[in-house]
Amino acid sequence: MTAKQDLIPAVSWNGVEAILMGMANTPDKRLMVGHLVEGTRKQAPFLTPEGVMTELFYLATALLDQDFNPSFTGTNSSGASSSSSA
């Protein structure tokens, strides 16, 4: 049995989104947060708890990366690149 002090506190998906929103330091990063959390939430049933945490850490790392500056200006609403091929 796992000792209570060995567990991390429970957090809701809304809580995760709020935490990540606080890490997003640009408007475009803030636009991404909800989509990224929703995608992770949908995949969570298929991942181990450690896998979910890993995904969340990846999101946090991307949001804190000062060199990562996504831009949604000039893109179409589907998010598909005009240079991509199927």
Protein backbone atom coordinates (compact mmCIF):
# COMPACT_ATOMS: atom_id res chain seq x y z
CA MET A 1 0.00 0.00 0.00
CA THR A 2 1.23 3.48 -0.88
CA ALA A 3 1.70 5.90 1.98
CA LYS A 4 -0.39 9.05 1.69
CA GLN A 5 2.70 11.25 1.85
CA ASP A 6 4.08 9.42 -1.22
CA LEU A 7 1.23 10.67 -3.45
CA ILE A 8 0.98 13.99 -5.20
CA PRO A 9 -2.16 16.04 -4.56
CA ALA A 10 -5.10 15.43 -6.88
CA VAL A 11 -5.78 18.18 -9.40
CA SER A 12 -8.69 18.61 -11.82
CA TRP A 13 -8.28 19.14 -15.54
CA ASN A 14 -9.54 22.70 -14.99
CA GLY A 15 -6.80 23.11 -12.40
CA VAL A 16 -4.18 21.81 -14.83
CA GLU A 17 -5.43 24.25 -17.46
CA ALA A 18 -5.25 27.15 -14.98
CA ILE A 19 -1.69 26.21 -14.00
CA LEU A 20 -0.56 25.97 -17.62
CA MET A 21 -2.37 29.21 -18.50
CA GLY A 22 -0.23 30.89 -15.84
CA MET A 23 2.89 29.55 -17.56
CA ALA A 24 1.88 30.79 -21.01
CA ASN A 25 3.68 34.09 -21.45
CA THR A 26 2.29 35.12 -24.85
CA PRO A 27 -1.25 35.49 -26.20
CA ASP A 28 -0.65 32.74 -28.79
CA LYS A 29 0.58 30.32 -26.13
CA ARG A 30 -2.51 31.09 -24.05
CA LEU A 31 -4.67 30.26 -27.08
CA MET A 32 -2.98 26.85 -27.25
CA VAL A 33 -3.45 25.82 -23.62
CA GLY A 34 -7.09 24.74 -23.75
CA HIS A 35 -6.53 22.68 -26.89
CA LEU A 36 -3.43 21.00 -25.49
CA VAL A 37 -5.09 20.14 -22.17
CA GLU A 38 -8.18 18.79 -23.96
CA GLY A 39 -6.01 16.58 -26.17
CA THR A 40 -4.14 15.26 -23.16
CA ARG A 41 -7.39 14.68 -21.27
CA LYS A 42 -8.76 12.62 -24.18
CA GLN A 43 -5.61 10.48 -24.29
CA ALA A 44 -5.39 10.02 -20.50
CA PRO A 45 -7.54 6.84 -20.34
CA PHE A 46 -5.03 5.13 -22.62
CA LEU A 47 -1.95 6.21 -20.65
CA THR A 48 -0.49 5.20 -17.31
CA PRO A 49 -0.57 7.88 -14.59
CA GLU A 50 3.12 8.38 -15.25
CA GLY A 51 2.39 8.81 -18.96
CA VAL A 52 -0.19 11.51 -18.23
CA MET A 53 2.28 13.35 -16.01
CA THR A 54 4.95 13.07 -18.70
CA GLU A 55 2.61 14.63 -21.26
CA LEU A 56 1.77 17.46 -18.87
CA PHE A 57 5.47 18.08 -18.24
CA TYR A 58 6.02 18.25 -22.01
CA LEU A 59 3.27 20.87 -22.28
CA ALA A 60 4.76 22.89 -19.45
CA THR A 61 8.22 22.70 -21.01
CA ALA A 62 6.92 23.97 -24.37
CA LEU A 63 5.02 26.81 -22.71
CA LEU A 64 8.08 27.89 -20.71
CA ASP A 65 10.44 27.69 -23.71
CA GLN A 66 11.34 31.31 -24.47
CA ASP A 67 12.40 30.38 -28.02
CA PHE A 68 9.05 28.73 -28.81
CA ASN A 69 6.86 31.50 -30.23
CA PRO A 70 3.87 30.05 -32.07
CA SER A 71 1.91 32.43 -34.23
CA PHE A 72 -1.65 31.94 -35.35
CA THR A 73 -1.72 35.00 -37.57
CA GLY A 74 -1.98 34.20 -41.24
CA THR A 75 -3.02 30.58 -40.72
CA ASN A 76 -6.32 29.16 -41.84
CA SER A 77 -8.87 28.02 -39.28
CA SER A 78 -8.13 24.31 -39.77
CA GLY A 79 -4.52 24.80 -38.73
CA ALA A 80 -3.33 22.81 -41.77
CA SER A 81 -0.28 24.04 -43.58
CA SER A 82 -0.74 24.91 -47.25
CA SER A 83 2.56 23.17 -47.99
CA SER A 84 1.58 19.85 -46.44
CA SER A 85 0.76 16.87 -48.62
CA ALA A 86 -1.52 13.97 -47.85
